[in-house]
C-alpha cells in the first residue's frame, strides 16, 4: 500500500512542500527521498564537517610554519654556499702565493 503525506498540512507551514512517501522524506524539489538512517546521520555529518574544518585550519597553520622554516633554511643554504665559495677562493689564492 502506498502512503503519501504533505507534511505542511500535518505539522505546519515550516514543512510546506515536504513530502513523506512510502517511508522516505522528500525535501521540496528533491527527487530522491531520505530514509530515517540518513536523517539520523545529519548531526554526525555536522560534527564530521567541524572536525574536518578544524583539521584543515591546523594543517594550514602547520604548512605556514613549514614554509617559514623552508625560507630560513634556503637563506642558511645560500650563506653556506657563499662561505664554501669564499673558502675555496682563499685556498686557491694561498696555493698560488707560495
Protein backbone atom coordinates (compact mmCIF):
# COMPACT_ATOMS: atom_id res chain seq x y z
CA UNK A 1 0.00 0.00 0.00
CA UNK A 2 1.37 3.42 -0.99
CA UNK A 3 1.36 6.07 1.71
CA UNK A 4 1.89 9.76 0.91
CA UNK A 5 1.56 12.85 3.10
CA UNK A 6 2.12 16.57 2.54
CA UNK A 7 3.79 17.49 5.84
CA UNK A 8 2.77 21.15 5.73
CA UNK A 9 -0.83 20.10 6.13
CA UNK A 10 0.05 17.84 9.04
CA UNK A 11 2.63 19.75 11.13
CA UNK A 12 2.64 23.36 9.92
CA UNK A 13 3.86 25.80 7.30
CA UNK A 14 7.58 25.27 8.04
CA UNK A 15 7.16 21.85 6.46
CA UNK A 16 5.17 23.04 3.46
CA UNK A 17 6.12 21.12 0.28
CA UNK A 18 7.96 18.43 2.24
CA UNK A 19 6.56 15.02 1.39
CA UNK A 20 6.53 11.68 3.15
CA UNK A 21 6.10 8.89 0.63
CA UNK A 22 6.48 5.18 1.38
CA UNK A 23 8.86 5.62 4.31
CA UNK A 24 11.04 8.31 2.69
CA UNK A 25 11.12 12.04 3.38
CA UNK A 26 11.36 14.30 0.32
CA UNK A 27 12.57 17.89 0.61
CA UNK A 28 10.95 20.46 -1.69
CA UNK A 29 12.22 19.91 -5.24
CA UNK A 30 14.14 16.74 -4.42
CA UNK A 31 13.63 13.63 -6.48
CA UNK A 32 15.42 11.33 -4.07
CA UNK A 33 13.93 10.74 -0.67
CA UNK A 34 15.81 10.39 2.60
CA UNK A 35 15.46 7.28 4.68
CA UNK A 36 15.48 7.51 8.51
CA UNK A 37 19.14 6.48 8.80
CA UNK A 38 20.24 9.39 6.60
CA UNK A 39 18.23 11.83 8.69
CA UNK A 40 19.66 10.40 11.94
CA UNK A 41 23.18 10.77 10.49
CA UNK A 42 22.83 14.54 9.98
CA UNK A 43 24.21 15.56 13.44
CA UNK A 44 27.19 13.26 12.89
CA UNK A 45 27.81 14.80 9.47
CA UNK A 46 27.86 18.26 11.05
CA UNK A 47 30.34 17.01 13.67
CA UNK A 48 32.49 15.43 10.95
CA UNK A 49 32.44 18.66 8.96
CA UNK A 50 33.50 20.66 12.03
CA UNK A 51 36.29 18.18 12.70
CA UNK A 52 37.49 18.38 9.08
CA UNK A 53 37.43 22.19 9.17
CA UNK A 54 39.43 22.19 12.42
CA UNK A 55 41.96 19.75 10.93
CA UNK A 56 42.22 21.93 7.82
CA UNK A 57 42.95 25.03 9.93
CA UNK A 58 45.60 23.14 11.90
CA UNK A 59 47.21 21.81 8.72
CA UNK A 60 47.21 25.26 7.09
CA UNK A 61 48.95 26.66 10.18
CA UNK A 62 51.49 23.83 10.06
CA UNK A 63 52.13 24.44 6.35
CA UNK A 64 52.66 28.15 7.02
CA UNK A 65 55.19 27.32 9.76
CA UNK A 66 56.98 24.84 7.50
CA UNK A 67 57.11 27.46 4.73
CA UNK A 68 58.81 29.86 7.17
CA UNK A 69 61.29 27.15 8.14
CA UNK A 70 61.96 26.34 4.47
CA UNK A 71 62.61 30.01 3.68
CA UNK A 72 65.01 30.24 6.64
CA UNK A 73 66.77 27.04 5.54
CA UNK A 74 67.14 28.39 2.00
CA UNK A 75 68.74 31.53 3.43
CA UNK A 76 71.11 29.40 5.53
CA UNK A 77 71.98 27.29 2.49
CA UNK A 78 72.78 30.41 0.44
CA UNK A 79 75.07 31.69 3.22
CA UNK A 80 76.82 28.30 3.41
CA UNK A 81 77.32 28.25 -0.38
CA UNK A 82 78.92 31.71 -0.20
CA UNK A 83 81.20 30.59 2.66
CA UNK A 84 82.27 27.45 0.77
CA UNK A 85 82.90 29.53 -2.35
CA UNK A 86 84.93 32.10 -0.37
CA UNK A 87 86.89 29.34 1.38
CA UNK A 88 87.69 27.68 -1.95
CA UNK A 89 88.83 31.03 -3.39
CA UNK A 90 91.06 31.66 -0.35
CA UNK A 91 92.52 28.15 -0.64
CA UNK A 92 93.26 28.74 -4.33
CA UNK A 93 94.90 32.09 -3.61
CA UNK A 94 97.02 30.60 -0.81
CA UNK A 95 98.13 27.74 -3.04
CA UNK A 96 99.35 30.25 -5.67
CA UNK A 97 101.15 32.58 -3.24
CA UNK A 98 103.96 30.20 -2.30
